[in-house]
Amino acid sequence: MQHGVIDYTLYLADSALILGQRNGDWCGHGPIIEQDIAITNITLDLIGQARSFYQYAASLIGGNATEDSLAYLRGDGRASCRERV
């Protein structure tokens, strides 16, 4: 049961992080300032969601697992994200 919760939490975190990074590519390129600010705020919300999910997963895993190690140091092909499927 615990592995299922960890896997699903990492899936949600990976999806939010990658979508936030992709949205970040559009920051500063909007045709109207209000739209640009809105997409930037959505991007920040997604990154914040990802951080919360990674922190929760790290607390479930324990040991030396940290938010950063789960987000960036898991190795190739270990990220699970709906945008990659």
Protein backbone atom coordinates (compact mmCIF):
# COMPACT_ATOMS: atom_id res chain seq x y z
CA MET A 1 0.00 0.00 0.00
CA GLN A 2 2.80 2.43 0.92
CA HIS A 3 4.58 1.94 -2.41
CA GLY A 4 1.38 2.78 -4.28
CA VAL A 5 0.99 6.04 -2.38
CA ILE A 6 4.63 6.98 -2.99
CA ASP A 7 4.43 6.15 -6.70
CA TYR A 8 1.22 8.13 -7.15
CA THR A 9 2.60 11.09 -5.18
CA LEU A 10 5.73 11.11 -7.35
CA TYR A 11 3.56 10.89 -10.47
CA LEU A 12 1.61 13.98 -9.37
CA ALA A 13 4.81 15.81 -8.43
CA ASP A 14 6.54 14.98 -11.73
CA SER A 15 3.49 16.07 -13.73
CA ALA A 16 3.20 19.40 -11.90
CA LEU A 17 6.94 20.09 -12.16
CA ILE A 18 7.23 19.36 -15.88
CA LEU A 19 4.05 21.27 -16.74
CA GLY A 20 5.28 24.20 -14.64
CA GLN A 21 8.63 24.16 -16.43
CA ARG A 22 6.94 24.07 -19.83
CA ASN A 23 4.64 26.93 -18.86
CA GLY A 24 7.69 28.85 -17.66
CA ASP A 25 8.96 28.90 -21.24
CA TRP A 26 6.05 31.18 -22.10
CA CYS A 27 6.72 33.74 -19.37
CA GLY A 28 7.50 37.09 -20.91
CA HIS A 29 6.17 36.16 -24.33
CA GLY A 30 2.46 36.88 -23.88
CA PRO A 31 0.84 39.40 -26.20
CA ILE A 32 -0.97 41.13 -23.33
CA ILE A 33 0.58 41.87 -19.94
CA GLU A 34 -2.42 40.47 -18.01
CA GLN A 35 -2.14 37.14 -19.82
CA ASP A 36 1.59 37.02 -19.21
CA ILE A 37 1.12 37.64 -15.49
CA ALA A 38 -1.64 35.02 -15.33
CA ILE A 39 0.45 32.28 -16.96
CA THR A 40 3.35 33.18 -14.67
CA ASN A 41 1.12 32.80 -11.60
CA ILE A 42 -0.19 29.46 -12.84
CA THR A 43 3.40 28.34 -13.37
CA LEU A 44 4.35 29.33 -9.82
CA ASP A 45 1.32 27.45 -8.48
CA LEU A 46 2.36 24.29 -10.34
CA ILE A 47 5.93 24.51 -9.05
CA GLY A 48 4.56 24.98 -5.53
CA GLN A 49 2.32 21.93 -5.92
CA ALA A 50 5.28 19.89 -7.12
CA ARG A 51 7.35 20.97 -4.11
CA SER A 52 4.58 19.92 -1.72
CA PHE A 53 4.20 16.52 -3.37
CA TYR A 54 7.98 15.92 -3.36
CA GLN A 55 8.22 16.89 0.31
CA TYR A 56 5.37 14.51 1.17
CA ALA A 57 6.96 11.67 -0.82
CA ALA A 58 10.32 12.30 0.87
CA SER A 59 8.67 12.09 4.28
CA LEU A 60 7.07 8.76 3.29
CA ILE A 61 10.34 7.35 1.93
CA GLY A 62 12.48 8.58 4.81
CA GLY A 63 16.22 8.11 4.97
CA ASN A 64 18.21 10.52 2.82
CA ALA A 65 15.32 11.29 0.44
CA THR A 66 14.84 15.00 -0.06
CA GLU A 67 12.67 17.13 -2.26
CA ASP A 68 15.61 17.90 -4.58
CA SER A 69 16.83 14.31 -4.79
CA LEU A 70 13.39 13.13 -5.82
CA ALA A 71 12.88 15.92 -8.33
CA TYR A 72 16.27 15.99 -10.01
CA LEU A 73 18.47 13.06 -8.99
CA ARG A 74 16.36 9.95 -9.58
CA GLY A 75 18.03 9.07 -12.87
CA ASP A 76 16.93 8.74 -16.46
CA GLY A 77 13.55 7.24 -17.15
CA ARG A 78 12.42 7.19 -13.52
CA ALA A 79 10.18 10.24 -13.81
CA SER A 80 6.54 9.40 -14.37
CA CYS A 81 4.50 12.15 -15.86
CA ARG A 82 1.33 12.25 -17.89
CA GLU A 83 2.88 14.68 -20.39
CA ARG A 84 5.51 12.09 -21.36
CA VAL A 85 3.02 9.30 -22.01
